[in-house]
Amino acid sequence: MVDYKRVLQLAAAGVPQRGIADALSCSRNTVATVLAAAKTAGIAYDAVADLDPAEVRARLLPRRDESLRRHFANQDDEAAA
């Protein structure tokens, strides 16, 4: 899973999107999605520098994070049955 906090940190340091994607072994589309979500939410790296990476991810893409939680909860329920 991509560290969204690290994406923001590298972008704040002036690293281009392609460089961020290469450094984190992810696609440029992923980097663009993270940066667009941060811009939409008005979140800059300075605002999340002290947060856990999972919290940064949840703040940037809360619907995706909640969807994943529901998905894995359903899998746990099915495994218990």
C-alpha atoms as a PDB file:
ATOM      1  CA  MET A   1       0.000   0.000   0.000  1.00  0.00           C
ATOM      2  CA  VAL A   2       1.284   3.438  -0.884  1.00  0.00           C
ATOM      3  CA  ASP A   3       2.232   5.761   1.964  1.00  0.00           C
ATOM      4  CA  TYR A   4       0.089   8.833   1.220  1.00  0.00           C
ATOM      5  CA  LYS A   5       1.934  10.841   3.832  1.00  0.00           C
ATOM      6  CA  ARG A   6       5.214  10.174   2.021  1.00  0.00           C
ATOM      7  CA  VAL A   7       3.608  11.259  -1.279  1.00  0.00           C
ATOM      8  CA  LEU A   8       2.724  14.594   0.311  1.00  0.00           C
ATOM      9  CA  GLN A   9       6.165  14.923   1.873  1.00  0.00           C
ATOM     10  CA  LEU A  10       7.967  14.351  -1.423  1.00  0.00           C
ATOM     11  CA  ALA A  11       5.621  16.713  -3.263  1.00  0.00           C
ATOM     12  CA  ALA A  12       6.236  19.401  -0.629  1.00  0.00           C
ATOM     13  CA  ALA A  13       9.970  18.930  -1.183  1.00  0.00           C
ATOM     14  CA  GLY A  14       9.476  19.674  -4.876  1.00  0.00           C
ATOM     15  CA  VAL A  15       9.846  16.150  -6.236  1.00  0.00           C
ATOM     16  CA  PRO A  16       7.879  15.796  -9.510  1.00  0.00           C
ATOM     17  CA  GLN A  17       5.051  13.272  -9.699  1.00  0.00           C
ATOM     18  CA  ARG A  18       7.083  10.864 -11.827  1.00  0.00           C
ATOM     19  CA  GLY A  19       9.886  10.991  -9.249  1.00  0.00           C
ATOM     20  CA  ILE A  20       7.444  10.317  -6.422  1.00  0.00           C
ATOM     21  CA  ALA A  21       5.983   7.355  -8.302  1.00  0.00           C
ATOM     22  CA  ASP A  22       9.458   5.948  -8.933  1.00  0.00           C
ATOM     23  CA  ALA A  23      10.579   6.474  -5.330  1.00  0.00           C
ATOM     24  CA  LEU A  24       7.497   4.780  -3.893  1.00  0.00           C
ATOM     25  CA  SER A  25       7.110   2.105  -6.576  1.00  0.00           C
ATOM     26  CA  CYS A  26       3.603   3.142  -7.477  1.00  0.00           C
ATOM     27  CA  SER A  27       1.876   4.512 -10.557  1.00  0.00           C
ATOM     28  CA  ARG A  28       1.794   8.157 -11.522  1.00  0.00           C
ATOM     29  CA  ASN A  29      -1.996   7.870 -11.441  1.00  0.00           C
ATOM     30  CA  THR A  30      -1.832   6.943  -7.766  1.00  0.00           C
ATOM     31  CA  VAL A  31       0.374   9.936  -7.037  1.00  0.00           C
ATOM     32  CA  ALA A  32      -1.968  12.213  -9.007  1.00  0.00           C
ATOM     33  CA  THR A  33      -4.988  10.830  -7.119  1.00  0.00           C
ATOM     34  CA  VAL A  34      -3.359  11.429  -3.743  1.00  0.00           C
ATOM     35  CA  LEU A  35      -2.288  14.958  -4.645  1.00  0.00           C
ATOM     36  CA  ALA A  36      -5.716  15.802  -6.086  1.00  0.00           C
ATOM     37  CA  ALA A  37      -7.408  14.497  -2.929  1.00  0.00           C
ATOM     38  CA  ALA A  38      -5.058  16.581  -0.789  1.00  0.00           C
ATOM     39  CA  LYS A  39      -5.775  19.679  -2.848  1.00  0.00           C
ATOM     40  CA  THR A  40      -9.547  19.093  -2.683  1.00  0.00           C
ATOM     41  CA  ALA A  41      -9.381  18.557   1.082  1.00  0.00           C
ATOM     42  CA  GLY A  42      -7.068  21.534   1.563  1.00  0.00           C
ATOM     43  CA  ILE A  43      -4.477  19.309   3.223  1.00  0.00           C
ATOM     44  CA  ALA A  44      -0.767  20.071   2.919  1.00  0.00           C
ATOM     45  CA  TYR A  45       2.112  17.993   4.254  1.00  0.00           C
ATOM     46  CA  ASP A  46       2.723  20.418   7.133  1.00  0.00           C
ATOM     47  CA  ALA A  47      -0.805  19.743   8.385  1.00  0.00           C
ATOM     48  CA  VAL A  48      -0.278  15.979   8.527  1.00  0.00           C
ATOM     49  CA  ALA A  49       3.432  15.709   9.308  1.00  0.00           C
ATOM     50  CA  ASP A  50       2.766  14.508  12.860  1.00  0.00           C
ATOM     51  CA  LEU A  51       0.022  12.041  11.952  1.00  0.00           C
ATOM     52  CA  ASP A  52       0.256   8.304  11.439  1.00  0.00           C
ATOM     53  CA  PRO A  53       0.274   7.342   7.708  1.00  0.00           C
ATOM     54  CA  ALA A  54      -3.012   5.441   8.137  1.00  0.00           C
ATOM     55  CA  GLU A  55      -4.671   8.583   9.511  1.00  0.00           C
ATOM     56  CA  VAL A  56      -3.389  10.621   6.562  1.00  0.00           C
ATOM     57  CA  ARG A  57      -4.844   8.046   4.156  1.00  0.00           C
ATOM     58  CA  ALA A  58      -8.202   8.129   5.967  1.00  0.00           C
ATOM     59  CA  ARG A  59      -8.316  11.930   5.806  1.00  0.00           C
ATOM     60  CA  LEU A  60      -7.482  12.053   2.104  1.00  0.00           C
ATOM     61  CA  LEU A  61      -9.740   9.271   0.879  1.00  0.00           C
ATOM     62  CA  PRO A  62     -12.281   8.606   3.635  1.00  0.00           C
ATOM     63  CA  ARG A  63     -14.777   6.803   1.395  1.00  0.00           C
ATOM     64  CA  ARG A  64     -12.152   4.407   0.068  1.00  0.00           C
ATOM     65  CA  ASP A  65     -10.876   3.768   3.584  1.00  0.00           C
ATOM     66  CA  GLU A  66     -14.390   3.080   4.880  1.00  0.00           C
ATOM     67  CA  SER A  67     -15.129   0.848   1.896  1.00  0.00           C
ATOM     68  CA  LEU A  68     -12.029  -1.234   2.662  1.00  0.00           C
ATOM     69  CA  ARG A  69     -13.022  -1.515   6.321  1.00  0.00           C
ATOM     70  CA  ARG A  70     -16.481  -2.801   5.332  1.00  0.00           C
ATOM     71  CA  HIS A  71     -14.977  -5.228   2.814  1.00  0.00           C
ATOM     72  CA  PHE A  72     -12.612  -6.777   5.339  1.00  0.00           C
ATOM     73  CA  ALA A  73     -15.272  -6.826   8.046  1.00  0.00           C
ATOM     74  CA  ASN A  74     -17.521  -8.794   5.688  1.00  0.00           C
ATOM     75  CA  GLN A  75     -14.687 -11.237   4.998  1.00  0.00           C
ATOM     76  CA  ASP A  76     -14.181 -11.706   8.740  1.00  0.00           C
ATOM     77  CA  ASP A  77     -17.911 -12.354   9.175  1.00  0.00           C
ATOM     78  CA  GLU A  78     -17.912 -14.929   6.358  1.00  0.00           C
ATOM     79  CA  ALA A  79     -14.842 -16.686   7.780  1.00  0.00           C
ATOM     80  CA  ALA A  80     -16.471 -16.941  11.196  1.00  0.00           C
ATOM     81  CA  ALA A  81     -19.654 -18.515   9.768  1.00  0.00           C
END
